[in-house]
C-alpha atoms as a PDB file:
ATOM      1  CA  MET A   1     138.320  50.839 102.644  1.00  0.00           C
ATOM      2  CA  SER A   2     137.938  54.516 101.652  1.00  0.00           C
ATOM      3  CA  LEU A   3     140.707  54.222  99.069  1.00  0.00           C
ATOM      4  CA  LEU A   4     138.658  51.680  97.099  1.00  0.00           C
ATOM      5  CA  ARG A   5     135.762  54.135  96.885  1.00  0.00           C
ATOM      6  CA  ASN A   6     137.824  55.870  94.232  1.00  0.00           C
ATOM      7  CA  ARG A   7     136.315  54.439  91.060  1.00  0.00           C
ATOM      8  CA  SER A   8     139.365  54.910  88.840  1.00  0.00           C
ATOM      9  CA  LEU A   9     141.627  53.204  91.393  1.00  0.00           C
ATOM     10  CA  ALA A  10     139.180  50.313  91.824  1.00  0.00           C
ATOM     11  CA  VAL A  11     139.029  49.802  88.051  1.00  0.00           C
ATOM     12  CA  GLU A  12     142.832  49.849  87.742  1.00  0.00           C
ATOM     13  CA  LEU A  13     143.176  47.337  90.587  1.00  0.00           C
ATOM     14  CA  ALA A  14     140.506  45.055  89.058  1.00  0.00           C
ATOM     15  CA  VAL A  15     142.219  45.108  85.656  1.00  0.00           C
ATOM     16  CA  LEU A  16     145.595  44.323  87.257  1.00  0.00           C
ATOM     17  CA  ALA A  17     144.093  41.434  89.251  1.00  0.00           C
ATOM     18  CA  ALA A  18     142.318  40.056  86.173  1.00  0.00           C
ATOM     19  CA  VAL A  19     145.465  40.127  84.045  1.00  0.00           C
ATOM     20  CA  LEU A  20     147.582  38.489  86.740  1.00  0.00           C
ATOM     21  CA  GLY A  21     144.780  35.958  87.395  1.00  0.00           C
ATOM     22  CA  VAL A  22     144.839  34.921  83.754  1.00  0.00           C
ATOM     23  CA  VAL A  23     148.630  34.593  83.920  1.00  0.00           C
ATOM     24  CA  ALA A  24     148.360  32.453  87.091  1.00  0.00           C
ATOM     25  CA  ALA A  25     145.742  30.192  85.454  1.00  0.00           C
ATOM     26  CA  LEU A  26     147.904  29.695  82.391  1.00  0.00           C
ATOM     27  CA  ALA A  27     150.935  28.955  84.569  1.00  0.00           C
ATOM     28  CA  TRP A  28     148.902  26.361  86.551  1.00  0.00           C
ATOM     29  CA  THR A  29     147.719  24.703  83.355  1.00  0.00           C
ATOM     30  CA  LEU A  30     150.977  24.709  81.456  1.00  0.00           C
ATOM     31  CA  ALA A  31     153.584  24.327  84.198  1.00  0.00           C
ATOM     32  CA  GLY A  32     151.769  22.685  87.057  1.00  0.00           C
ATOM     33  CA  PRO A  33     150.485  23.656  90.519  1.00  0.00           C
ATOM     34  CA  GLY A  34     153.842  25.038  91.736  1.00  0.00           C
ATOM     35  CA  ALA A  35     154.030  27.597  88.963  1.00  0.00           C
ATOM     36  CA  GLY A  36     150.366  28.470  89.487  1.00  0.00           C
ATOM     37  CA  LEU A  37     150.852  29.095  93.208  1.00  0.00           C
ATOM     38  CA  ALA A  38     153.932  31.234  92.481  1.00  0.00           C
ATOM     39  CA  ALA A  39     151.903  33.254  90.010  1.00  0.00           C
ATOM     40  CA  LEU A  40     149.123  33.689  92.578  1.00  0.00           C
ATOM     41  CA  ALA A  41     151.673  34.893  95.147  1.00  0.00           C
ATOM     42  CA  SER A  42     153.001  37.357  92.592  1.00  0.00           C
ATOM     43  CA  LEU A  43     149.420  38.480  91.988  1.00  0.00           C
ATOM     44  CA  ALA A  44     148.880  39.159  95.681  1.00  0.00           C
ATOM     45  CA  LEU A  45     152.216  40.989  96.003  1.00  0.00           C
ATOM     46  CA  ALA A  46     151.587  43.117  92.906  1.00  0.00           C
ATOM     47  CA  CYS A  47     148.115  44.105  94.079  1.00  0.00           C
ATOM     48  CA  THR A  48     149.452  44.942  97.539  1.00  0.00           C
ATOM     49  CA  LEU A  49     152.279  47.106  96.149  1.00  0.00           C
ATOM     50  CA  PHE A  50     149.923  48.825  93.726  1.00  0.00           C
ATOM     51  CA  THR A  51     147.464  49.581  96.507  1.00  0.00           C
ATOM     52  CA  ALA A  52     150.216  50.851  98.834  1.00  0.00           C
ATOM     53  CA  LEU A  53     151.754  53.130  96.189  1.00  0.00           C
ATOM     54  CA  SER A  54     148.331  54.419  95.164  1.00  0.00           C
ATOM     55  CA  ALA A  55     147.439  55.064  98.791  1.00  0.00           C
ATOM     56  CA  ARG A  56     150.645  57.067  99.246  1.00  0.00           C
ATOM     57  CA  ARG A  57     149.934  59.071  96.121  1.00  0.00           C
ATOM     58  CA  TYR A  58     146.376  59.837  97.173  1.00  0.00           C
ATOM     59  CA  ARG A  59     147.550  60.839 100.652  1.00  0.00           C
ATOM     60  CA  GLU A  60     149.940  63.361  99.073  1.00  0.00           C
ATOM     61  CA  ILE A  61     147.143  64.681  96.890  1.00  0.00           C
ATOM     62  CA  ALA A  62     144.858  64.960  99.928  1.00  0.00           C
ATOM     63  CA  ARG A  63     147.575  66.847 101.804  1.00  0.00           C
ATOM     64  CA  LEU A  64     148.012  69.211  98.866  1.00  0.00           C
ATOM     65  CA  ALA A  65     144.257  69.783  98.810  1.00  0.00           C
ATOM     66  CA  ALA A  66     144.347  70.568 102.529  1.00  0.00           C
ATOM     67  CA  GLU A  67     147.195  73.055 102.022  1.00  0.00           C
ATOM     68  CA  VAL A  68     145.284  74.782  99.242  1.00  0.00           C
ATOM     69  CA  ASP A  69     142.228  74.931 101.497  1.00  0.00           C
ATOM     70  CA  GLU A  70     144.327  76.507 104.256  1.00  0.00           C
ATOM     71  CA  VAL A  71     145.572  79.191 101.880  1.00  0.00           C
ATOM     72  CA  LEU A  72     142.064  79.901 100.639  1.00  0.00           C
ATOM     73  CA  HIS A  73     140.880  80.318 104.228  1.00  0.00           C
ATOM     74  CA  GLY A  74     143.810  82.390 105.471  1.00  0.00           C
ATOM     75  CA  GLY A  75     146.348  79.704 106.464  1.00  0.00           C
ATOM     76  CA  ARG A  76     150.032  79.932 105.640  1.00  0.00           C
ATOM     77  CA  SER A  77     151.399  76.413 106.268  1.00  0.00           C
ATOM     78  CA  ILE A  78     152.822  75.761 102.806  1.00  0.00           C
ATOM     79  CA  ASP A  79     155.988  73.642 102.720  1.00  0.00           C
ATOM     80  CA  PHE A  80     158.221  74.555  99.775  1.00  0.00           C
ATOM     81  CA  ALA A  81     161.183  72.376 100.767  1.00  0.00           C
ATOM     82  CA  ASP A  82     159.752  68.918 100.026  1.00  0.00           C
ATOM     83  CA  TYR A  83     160.365  68.870  96.266  1.00  0.00           C
ATOM     84  CA  ARG A  84     160.967  65.463  94.649  1.00  0.00           C
ATOM     85  CA  GLU A  85     160.792  63.969  91.187  1.00  0.00           C
ATOM     86  CA  GLY A  86     157.530  62.466  90.014  1.00  0.00           C
ATOM     87  CA  ASP A  87     154.145  63.484  88.681  1.00  0.00           C
ATOM     88  CA  VAL A  88     152.720  64.234  92.136  1.00  0.00           C
ATOM     89  CA  ALA A  89     155.799  66.317  92.928  1.00  0.00           C
ATOM     90  CA  VAL A  90     155.248  68.304  89.724  1.00  0.00           C
ATOM     91  CA  LEU A  91     151.655  68.897  90.780  1.00  0.00           C
ATOM     92  CA  LYS A  92     152.842  69.910  94.239  1.00  0.00           C
ATOM     93  CA  ASN A  93     155.333  72.398  92.812  1.00  0.00           C
ATOM     94  CA  GLU A  94     152.728  73.990  90.582  1.00  0.00           C
ATOM     95  CA  LEU A  95     150.222  74.150  93.421  1.00  0.00           C
ATOM     96  CA  ALA A  96     152.883  75.685  95.650  1.00  0.00           C
ATOM     97  CA  LYS A  97     153.413  78.431  93.055  1.00  0.00           C
ATOM     98  CA  MET A  98     149.676  78.981  92.786  1.00  0.00           C
ATOM     99  CA  THR A  99     149.143  79.139  96.534  1.00  0.00           C
ATOM    100  CA  ALA A 100     152.091  81.519  96.925  1.00  0.00           C
ATOM    101  CA  ALA A 101     150.562  83.781  94.281  1.00  0.00           C
ATOM    102  CA  LEU A 102     147.183  83.612  96.024  1.00  0.00           C
ATOM    103  CA  ALA A 103     148.786  84.414  99.368  1.00  0.00           C
ATOM    104  CA  GLY A 104     150.569  87.411  97.859  1.00  0.00           C
ATOM    105  CA  ALA A 105     147.372  88.619  96.214  1.00  0.00           C
ATOM    106  CA  THR A 106     145.519  88.276  99.512  1.00  0.00           C
ATOM    107  CA  ASP A 107     148.185  90.293 101.318  1.00  0.00           C
ATOM    108  CA  ARG A 108     148.111  93.006  98.656  1.00  0.00           C
ATOM    109  CA  LEU A 109     144.318  93.136  98.781  1.00  0.00           C
ATOM    110  CA  GLY A 110     144.435  93.542 102.548  1.00  0.00           C
ATOM    111  CA  GLN A 111     146.972  96.346 102.246  1.00  0.00           C
ATOM    112  CA  GLU A 112     144.899  98.073  99.559  1.00  0.00           C
ATOM    113  CA  LYS A 113     141.745  97.834 101.681  1.00  0.00           C
ATOM    114  CA  ALA A 114     143.598  99.282 104.663  1.00  0.00           C
ATOM    115  CA  ALA A 115     145.018 102.064 102.490  1.00  0.00           C
ATOM    116  CA  LEU A 116     141.539 102.794 101.114  1.00  0.00           C
ATOM    117  CA  ALA A 117     140.104 102.991 104.627  1.00  0.00           C
ATOM    118  CA  ASP A 118     142.891 105.381 105.666  1.00  0.00           C
ATOM    119  CA  ALA A 119     142.381 107.464 102.538  1.00  0.00           C
ATOM    120  CA  LEU A 120     138.631 107.738 103.132  1.00  0.00           C
ATOM    121  CA  ALA A 121     139.276 108.800 106.721  1.00  0.00           C
ATOM    122  CA  ASP A 122     141.778 111.416 105.528  1.00  0.00           C
ATOM    123  CA  VAL A 123     139.406 112.709 102.852  1.00  0.00           C
ATOM    124  CA  SER A 124     136.577 112.959 105.371  1.00  0.00           C
ATOM    125  CA  HIS A 125     138.788 114.907 107.739  1.00  0.00           C
ATOM    126  CA  GLN A 126     140.114 117.206 105.018  1.00  0.00           C
ATOM    127  CA  ILE A 127     136.625 118.048 103.748  1.00  0.00           C
ATOM    128  CA  ARG A 128     135.063 118.321 107.200  1.00  0.00           C
ATOM    129  CA  THR A 129     137.466 121.062 108.323  1.00  0.00           C
ATOM    130  CA  PRO A 130     136.538 123.688 105.680  1.00  0.00           C
ATOM    131  CA  LEU A 131     132.875 122.659 105.796  1.00  0.00           C
ATOM    132  CA  THR A 132     132.862 123.304 109.537  1.00  0.00           C
ATOM    133  CA  ALA A 133     134.361 126.736 108.915  1.00  0.00           C
ATOM    134  CA  ILE A 134     131.709 127.413 106.264  1.00  0.00           C
ATOM    135  CA  GLY A 135     129.003 126.446 108.736  1.00  0.00           C
ATOM    136  CA  LEU A 136     130.394 128.968 111.227  1.00  0.00           C
ATOM    137  CA  LEU A 137     130.619 131.734 108.639  1.00  0.00           C
ATOM    138  CA  VAL A 138     126.980 131.527 107.528  1.00  0.00           C
ATOM    139  CA  PRO A 139     125.521 132.833 110.833  1.00  0.00           C
ATOM    140  CA  ALA A 140     128.349 135.378 110.966  1.00  0.00           C
ATOM    141  CA  ILE A 141     127.186 136.738 107.617  1.00  0.00           C
ATOM    142  CA  GLU A 142     123.575 136.793 108.784  1.00  0.00           C
ATOM    143  CA  ASP A 143     124.501 138.659 111.964  1.00  0.00           C
ATOM    144  CA  ALA A 144     126.992 141.052 110.360  1.00  0.00           C
ATOM    145  CA  GLU A 145     126.557 144.575 111.685  1.00  0.00           C
ATOM    146  CA  GLY A 146     127.623 146.403 108.553  1.00  0.00           C
ATOM    147  CA  PRO A 147     128.469 145.949 104.859  1.00  0.00           C
ATOM    148  CA  ASP A 148     132.220 145.865 105.522  1.00  0.00           C
ATOM    149  CA  GLU A 149     131.955 143.004 108.005  1.00  0.00           C
ATOM    150  CA  ARG A 150     129.543 141.162 105.719  1.00  0.00           C
ATOM    151  CA  ALA A 151     131.863 141.607 102.735  1.00  0.00           C
ATOM    152  CA  ARG A 152     134.830 140.277 104.731  1.00  0.00           C
ATOM    153  CA  ALA A 153     132.854 137.199 105.807  1.00  0.00           C
ATOM    154  CA  LEU A 154     131.696 136.623 102.239  1.00  0.00           C
ATOM    155  CA  ARG A 155     135.299 136.738 100.982  1.00  0.00           C
ATOM    156  CA  GLU A 156     136.288 134.160 103.585  1.00  0.00           C
ATOM    157  CA  LEU A 157     133.313 132.015 102.588  1.00  0.00           C
ATOM    158  CA  GLU A 158     134.246 132.255  98.908  1.00  0.00           C
ATOM    159  CA  ALA A 159     137.834 131.244  99.676  1.00  0.00           C
ATOM    160  CA  LEU A 160     136.649 128.217 101.654  1.00  0.00           C
ATOM    161  CA  VAL A 161     134.274 127.130  98.882  1.00  0.00           C
ATOM    162  CA  GLU A 162     137.106 127.411  96.345  1.00  0.00           C
ATOM    163  CA  ARG A 163     139.324 125.413  98.687  1.00  0.00           C
ATOM    164  CA  VAL A 164     136.782 122.590  98.947  1.00  0.00           C
ATOM    165  CA  GLY A 165     136.268 122.662  95.180  1.00  0.00           C
ATOM    166  CA  TRP A 166     140.015 122.386  94.577  1.00  0.00           C
ATOM    167  CA  LEU A 167     140.235 119.506  97.038  1.00  0.00           C
ATOM    168  CA  VAL A 168     137.413 117.535  95.394  1.00  0.00           C
ATOM    169  CA  THR A 169     138.793 118.160  91.892  1.00  0.00           C
ATOM    170  CA  THR A 170     142.287 117.088  92.907  1.00  0.00           C
ATOM    171  CA  LEU A 171     140.990 113.959  94.615  1.00  0.00           C
ATOM    172  CA  LEU A 172     139.129 113.001  91.444  1.00  0.00           C
ATOM    173  CA  LYS A 173     142.318 113.452  89.424  1.00  0.00           C
ATOM    174  CA  LEU A 174     144.221 111.306  91.914  1.00  0.00           C
ATOM    175  CA  ALA A 175     141.555 108.612  91.628  1.00  0.00           C
ATOM    176  CA  LYS A 176     141.919 108.659  87.838  1.00  0.00           C
ATOM    177  CA  ALA A 177     145.689 108.390  88.178  1.00  0.00           C
ATOM    178  CA  ASP A 178     145.365 105.435  90.567  1.00  0.00           C
ATOM    179  CA  ALA A 179     142.976 103.686  88.184  1.00  0.00           C
ATOM    180  CA  GLY A 180     145.271 104.255  85.209  1.00  0.00           C
ATOM    181  CA  ALA A 181     142.505 106.241  83.522  1.00  0.00           C
ATOM    182  CA  ILE A 182     144.626 109.291  82.737  1.00  0.00           C
ATOM    183  CA  ARG A 183     145.101 109.585  78.992  1.00  0.00           C
ATOM    184  CA  VAL A 184     148.505 110.996  78.183  1.00  0.00           C
ATOM    185  CA  GLN A 185     148.903 112.602  74.773  1.00  0.00           C
ATOM    186  CA  ALA A 186     152.471 112.212  73.520  1.00  0.00           C
ATOM    187  CA  ALA A 187     153.075 115.414  71.584  1.00  0.00           C
ATOM    188  CA  PRO A 188     155.766 118.119  71.483  1.00  0.00           C
ATOM    189  CA  VAL A 189     155.461 120.394  74.527  1.00  0.00           C
ATOM    190  CA  ASP A 190     156.869 123.918  74.366  1.00  0.00           C
ATOM    191  CA  VAL A 191     158.401 124.528  77.783  1.00  0.00           C
ATOM    192  CA  GLU A 192     158.099 128.336  77.720  1.00  0.00           C
ATOM    193  CA  ARG A 193     154.372 128.031  77.124  1.00  0.00           C
ATOM    194  CA  LEU A 194     154.157 125.247  79.716  1.00  0.00           C
ATOM    195  CA  VAL A 195     155.640 127.509  82.396  1.00  0.00           C
ATOM    196  CA  ARG A 196     153.277 130.345  81.453  1.00  0.00           C
ATOM    197  CA  ASP A 197     150.243 128.062  81.568  1.00  0.00           C
ATOM    198  CA  ALA A 198     151.254 126.634  84.950  1.00  0.00           C
ATOM    199  CA  PHE A 199     151.861 130.061  86.482  1.00  0.00           C
ATOM    200  CA  ALA A 200     148.816 131.889  85.060  1.00  0.00           C
ATOM    201  CA  PRO A 201     146.210 130.550  87.561  1.00  0.00           C
ATOM    202  CA  LEU A 202     148.545 131.435  90.446  1.00  0.00           C
ATOM    203  CA  ALA A 203     149.533 134.936  89.348  1.00  0.00           C
ATOM    204  CA  GLY A 204     146.957 136.616  91.587  1.00  0.00           C
ATOM    205  CA  ALA A 205     147.979 134.554  94.605  1.00  0.00           C
ATOM    206  CA  PHE A 206     151.637 135.464  94.046  1.00  0.00           C
ATOM    207  CA  ASP A 207     150.705 139.164  94.002  1.00  0.00           C
ATOM    208  CA  LEU A 208     148.592 138.899  97.148  1.00  0.00           C
ATOM    209  CA  ARG A 209     151.401 137.192  99.038  1.00  0.00           C
ATOM    210  CA  GLY A 210     154.068 139.538  97.740  1.00  0.00           C
ATOM    211  CA  VAL A 211     156.113 136.703  96.240  1.00  0.00           C
ATOM    212  CA  SER A 212     157.981 137.191  92.963  1.00  0.00           C
ATOM    213  CA  PHE A 213     158.066 134.668  90.135  1.00  0.00           C
ATOM    214  CA  GLU A 214     161.031 134.251  87.807  1.00  0.00           C
ATOM    215  CA  ALA A 215     161.507 131.954  84.833  1.00  0.00           C
ATOM    216  CA  ASP A 216     164.682 131.114  82.931  1.00  0.00           C
ATOM    217  CA  VAL A 217     163.849 128.717  80.128  1.00  0.00           C
ATOM    218  CA  ALA A 218     166.223 127.844  77.314  1.00  0.00           C
ATOM    219  CA  PRO A 219     164.775 129.077  73.988  1.00  0.00           C
ATOM    220  CA  GLY A 220     163.115 126.315  72.023  1.00  0.00           C
ATOM    221  CA  ALA A 221     163.200 123.849  74.911  1.00  0.00           C
ATOM    222  CA  SER A 222     160.673 121.058  74.431  1.00  0.00           C
ATOM    223  CA  PHE A 223     159.914 117.448  75.219  1.00  0.00           C
ATOM    224  CA  ALA A 224     157.445 114.734  74.205  1.00  0.00           C
ATOM    225  CA  GLY A 225     154.556 114.667  76.653  1.00  0.00           C
ATOM    226  CA  ASP A 226     151.126 115.963  77.564  1.00  0.00           C
ATOM    227  CA  ALA A 227     151.024 119.746  77.875  1.00  0.00           C
ATOM    228  CA  ALA A 228     147.859 119.908  79.994  1.00  0.00           C
ATOM    229  CA  TRP A 229     148.912 117.309  82.556  1.00  0.00           C
ATOM    230  CA  SER A 230     152.444 118.690  82.673  1.00  0.00           C
ATOM    231  CA  ALA A 231     151.075 122.159  83.433  1.00  0.00           C
ATOM    232  CA  GLU A 232     148.913 120.621  86.171  1.00  0.00           C
ATOM    233  CA  ALA A 233     151.950 118.934  87.725  1.00  0.00           C
ATOM    234  CA  LEU A 234     154.120 122.044  87.529  1.00  0.00           C
ATOM    235  CA  GLY A 235     151.286 124.207  88.852  1.00  0.00           C
ATOM    236  CA  ASN A 236     150.931 122.042  91.957  1.00  0.00           C
ATOM    237  CA  VAL A 237     154.648 122.367  92.658  1.00  0.00           C
ATOM    238  CA  LEU A 238     154.498 126.152  92.162  1.00  0.00           C
ATOM    239  CA  LYS A 239     151.523 126.320  94.533  1.00  0.00           C
ATOM    240  CA  ASN A 240     153.461 124.386  97.157  1.00  0.00           C
ATOM    241  CA  CYS A 241     156.466 126.681  96.824  1.00  0.00           C
ATOM    242  CA  LEU A 242     154.228 129.747  97.077  1.00  0.00           C
ATOM    243  CA  GLU A 243     152.673 128.478 100.310  1.00  0.00           C
ATOM    244  CA  HIS A 244     156.118 128.087 101.895  1.00  0.00           C
ATOM    245  CA  THR A 245     157.731 131.298 100.646  1.00  0.00           C
ATOM    246  CA  PRO A 246     157.459 134.437 102.805  1.00  0.00           C
ATOM    247  CA  ALA A 247     156.556 137.880 101.465  1.00  0.00           C
ATOM    248  CA  GLY A 248     159.426 139.343  99.477  1.00  0.00           C
ATOM    249  CA  GLY A 249     160.631 135.878  98.486  1.00  0.00           C
ATOM    250  CA  ILE A 250     161.144 134.402  95.041  1.00  0.00           C
ATOM    251  CA  VAL A 251     159.988 131.266  93.270  1.00  0.00           C
ATOM    252  CA  HIS A 252     162.298 130.514  90.349  1.00  0.00           C
ATOM    253  CA  VAL A 253     161.811 128.109  87.433  1.00  0.00           C
ATOM    254  CA  SER A 254     164.651 127.095  85.135  1.00  0.00           C
ATOM    255  CA  ALA A 255     164.717 124.600  82.292  1.00  0.00           C
ATOM    256  CA  HIS A 256     167.311 123.114  79.990  1.00  0.00           C
ATOM    257  CA  GLU A 257     167.477 120.041  77.824  1.00  0.00           C
ATOM    258  CA  ASP A 258     170.061 117.451  76.968  1.00  0.00           C
ATOM    259  CA  ALA A 259     170.076 114.466  74.638  1.00  0.00           C
ATOM    260  CA  VAL A 260     167.966 112.377  77.004  1.00  0.00           C
ATOM    261  CA  ALA A 261     165.485 114.602  78.816  1.00  0.00           C
ATOM    262  CA  LEU A 262     164.091 118.033  79.466  1.00  0.00           C
ATOM    263  CA  ARG A 263     165.142 119.009  82.996  1.00  0.00           C
ATOM    264  CA  LEU A 264     163.023 121.566  84.791  1.00  0.00           C
ATOM    265  CA  ARG A 265     163.896 122.890  88.242  1.00  0.00           C
ATOM    266  CA  VAL A 266     161.727 124.874  90.657  1.00  0.00           C
ATOM    267  CA  THR A 267     163.335 126.588  93.658  1.00  0.00           C
ATOM    268  CA  ASP A 268     162.057 128.968  96.319  1.00  0.00           C
ATOM    269  CA  THR A 269     163.505 131.140  99.063  1.00  0.00           C
ATOM    270  CA  GLY A 270     161.444 129.615 101.827  1.00  0.00           C
ATOM    271  CA  PRO A 271     162.741 127.709 104.859  1.00  0.00           C
ATOM    272  CA  GLY A 272     163.407 124.554 102.856  1.00  0.00           C
ATOM    273  CA  ILE A 273     162.183 121.022 103.491  1.00  0.00           C
ATOM    274  CA  ALA A 274     162.756 119.553 106.938  1.00  0.00           C
ATOM    275  CA  ALA A 275     164.839 116.380 106.998  1.00  0.00           C
ATOM    276  CA  GLU A 276     162.021 114.418 108.639  1.00  0.00           C
ATOM    277  CA  ASP A 277     159.534 115.543 105.961  1.00  0.00           C
ATOM    278  CA  LEU A 278     161.686 114.825 102.908  1.00  0.00           C
ATOM    279  CA  PRO A 279     161.117 111.024 102.726  1.00  0.00           C
ATOM    280  CA  HIS A 280     157.333 111.503 102.965  1.00  0.00           C
ATOM    281  CA  LEU A 281     156.919 114.604 100.824  1.00  0.00           C
ATOM    282  CA  PHE A 282     155.095 112.871  97.963  1.00  0.00           C
ATOM    283  CA  GLU A 283     152.954 110.648 100.181  1.00  0.00           C
ATOM    284  CA  ARG A 284     149.262 111.322  99.911  1.00  0.00           C
ATOM    285  CA  PHE A 285     147.769 113.412 102.737  1.00  0.00           C
ATOM    286  CA  TYR A 286     151.170 113.900 104.356  1.00  0.00           C
ATOM    287  CA  ARG A 287     151.463 117.381 105.828  1.00  0.00           C
ATOM    288  CA  GLY A 288     154.654 118.698 107.306  1.00  0.00           C
ATOM    289  CA  ALA A 289     154.827 121.105 110.204  1.00  0.00           C
ATOM    290  CA  GLY A 290     153.199 124.429 109.356  1.00  0.00           C
ATOM    291  CA  SER A 291     151.775 123.207 106.051  1.00  0.00           C
ATOM    292  CA  GLU A 292     148.758 125.100 104.706  1.00  0.00           C
ATOM    293  CA  GLY A 293     147.714 122.523 102.128  1.00  0.00           C
ATOM    294  CA  PHE A 294     145.893 119.215 102.138  1.00  0.00           C
ATOM    295  CA  GLY A 295     148.918 117.062 101.374  1.00  0.00           C
ATOM    296  CA  ILE A 296     147.745 115.896  97.942  1.00  0.00           C
ATOM    297  CA  GLY A 297     149.127 118.448  95.473  1.00  0.00           C
ATOM    298  CA  LEU A 298     152.658 117.047  95.361  1.00  0.00           C
ATOM    299  CA  SER A 299     151.342 113.484  95.244  1.00  0.00           C
ATOM    300  CA  LEU A 300     149.277 114.378  92.189  1.00  0.00           C
ATOM    301  CA  ALA A 301     152.230 116.192  90.608  1.00  0.00           C
ATOM    302  CA  ARG A 302     154.405 113.095  90.859  1.00  0.00           C
ATOM    303  CA  SER A 303     151.614 110.801  89.588  1.00  0.00           C
ATOM    304  CA  LEU A 304     151.061 112.992  86.534  1.00  0.00           C
ATOM    305  CA  THR A 305     154.795 113.178  85.857  1.00  0.00           C
ATOM    306  CA  VAL A 306     155.338 109.434  86.203  1.00  0.00           C
ATOM    307  CA  ALA A 307     152.356 108.779  83.910  1.00  0.00           C
ATOM    308  CA  GLN A 308     154.373 110.491  81.168  1.00  0.00           C
ATOM    309  CA  GLY A 309     157.496 108.463  81.874  1.00  0.00           C
ATOM    310  CA  GLY A 310     159.120 111.307  83.791  1.00  0.00           C
ATOM    311  CA  THR A 311     160.434 111.735  87.309  1.00  0.00           C
ATOM    312  CA  LEU A 312     159.943 114.289  90.077  1.00  0.00           C
ATOM    313  CA  ARG A 313     162.354 114.595  92.994  1.00  0.00           C
ATOM    314  CA  ALA A 314     162.620 117.032  95.881  1.00  0.00           C
ATOM    315  CA  GLY A 315     165.422 118.379  98.019  1.00  0.00           C
ATOM    316  CA  ASN A 316     166.893 121.606  99.348  1.00  0.00           C
ATOM    317  CA  ASP A 317     168.726 124.137  97.226  1.00  0.00           C
ATOM    318  CA  ARG A 318     172.194 125.104  98.442  1.00  0.00           C
ATOM    319  CA  ALA A 319     172.090 128.511  96.793  1.00  0.00           C
ATOM    320  CA  THR A 320     168.795 129.707  98.311  1.00  0.00           C
ATOM    321  CA  ASP A 321     168.434 127.376 101.327  1.00  0.00           C
ATOM    322  CA  GLY A 322     164.877 126.853 100.107  1.00  0.00           C
ATOM    323  CA  ALA A 323     163.075 123.895  98.580  1.00  0.00           C
ATOM    324  CA  ARG A 324     164.062 122.459  95.206  1.00  0.00           C
ATOM    325  CA  PHE A 325     161.960 120.300  92.883  1.00  0.00           C
ATOM    326  CA  ASP A 326     163.516 118.608  89.855  1.00  0.00           C
ATOM    327  CA  PHE A 327     161.407 117.371  86.941  1.00  0.00           C
ATOM    328  CA  ALA A 328     162.852 115.201  84.194  1.00  0.00           C
ATOM    329  CA  PHE A 329     160.677 114.606  81.128  1.00  0.00           C
ATOM    330  CA  PRO A 330     161.951 112.176  78.469  1.00  0.00           C
ATOM    331  CA  LYS A 331     162.736 113.661  75.096  1.00  0.00           C
ATOM    332  CA  MET A 332     161.220 110.659  73.388  1.00  0.00           C
ATOM    333  CA  VAL A 333     158.411 108.339  74.402  1.00  0.00           C
ATOM    334  CA  VAL A 334     159.378 104.729  73.643  1.00  0.00           C
END
């Protein structure tokens, strides 16, 4: 019998039989054959019950082992309803929790692998487009008929190289944010200086597009955060607003603070955010209709803001009919 191959069970059964055998022998000697036979019958019954109960227990353990094996190999046939009292039931409950956790981890891993594959495909596409344009510009520069045409092609080439460089740099920052490797320095941040630092790299682009920039920051406004990463986040939002604001338009930044947070708002006079784009605006690589960007700037802006305990939301401004972005940075880092 396979059950008796279990050494511990065989030892327990042998000990039980030996003890009851001694009792039966004593009963035979002291009380006569009738008592001895009754003791022997009790011995047989006890051994049978012990074997039956042990067999049931080992069958339950074997079934639990099979369920765990199914989970480890992709199965999902775990029964959570059959909970009873007893040591095997306790083991079953704990194994059920473990297998549920393993199943959840497997699902999350599958989702992460799928997301990584999609992200790699998106990155490849985003980089391939400007690289293709660069490849077309090189022979155009070589075949340029005059200095003016060559200079124009070189400017286009320089813009494309800068675009690829910005894309790679931003992707690296996103990877650091995903890995939790961004180090946030909790220090007082002067908001007036923050706005200046965020706008400075974009000042030339604003002039070229004919878009005005306005700032209305409450004097002395500040919050506890990381000035460099906050400027990066705000700069990405300003860049997005610039790309969607026509010539003659305005991008406006305002900031005020209350007892809880520093609240910074960015608005533009562009066409606003389409209703179908609004739920996906901060999704990585999402590009709405007519978008000029790669779809990663706003995602990075939110990641950098959240890393500091803040929030970033988007909507449409009733006063300008353009886009509106609302930052909230906590006054105190707990």
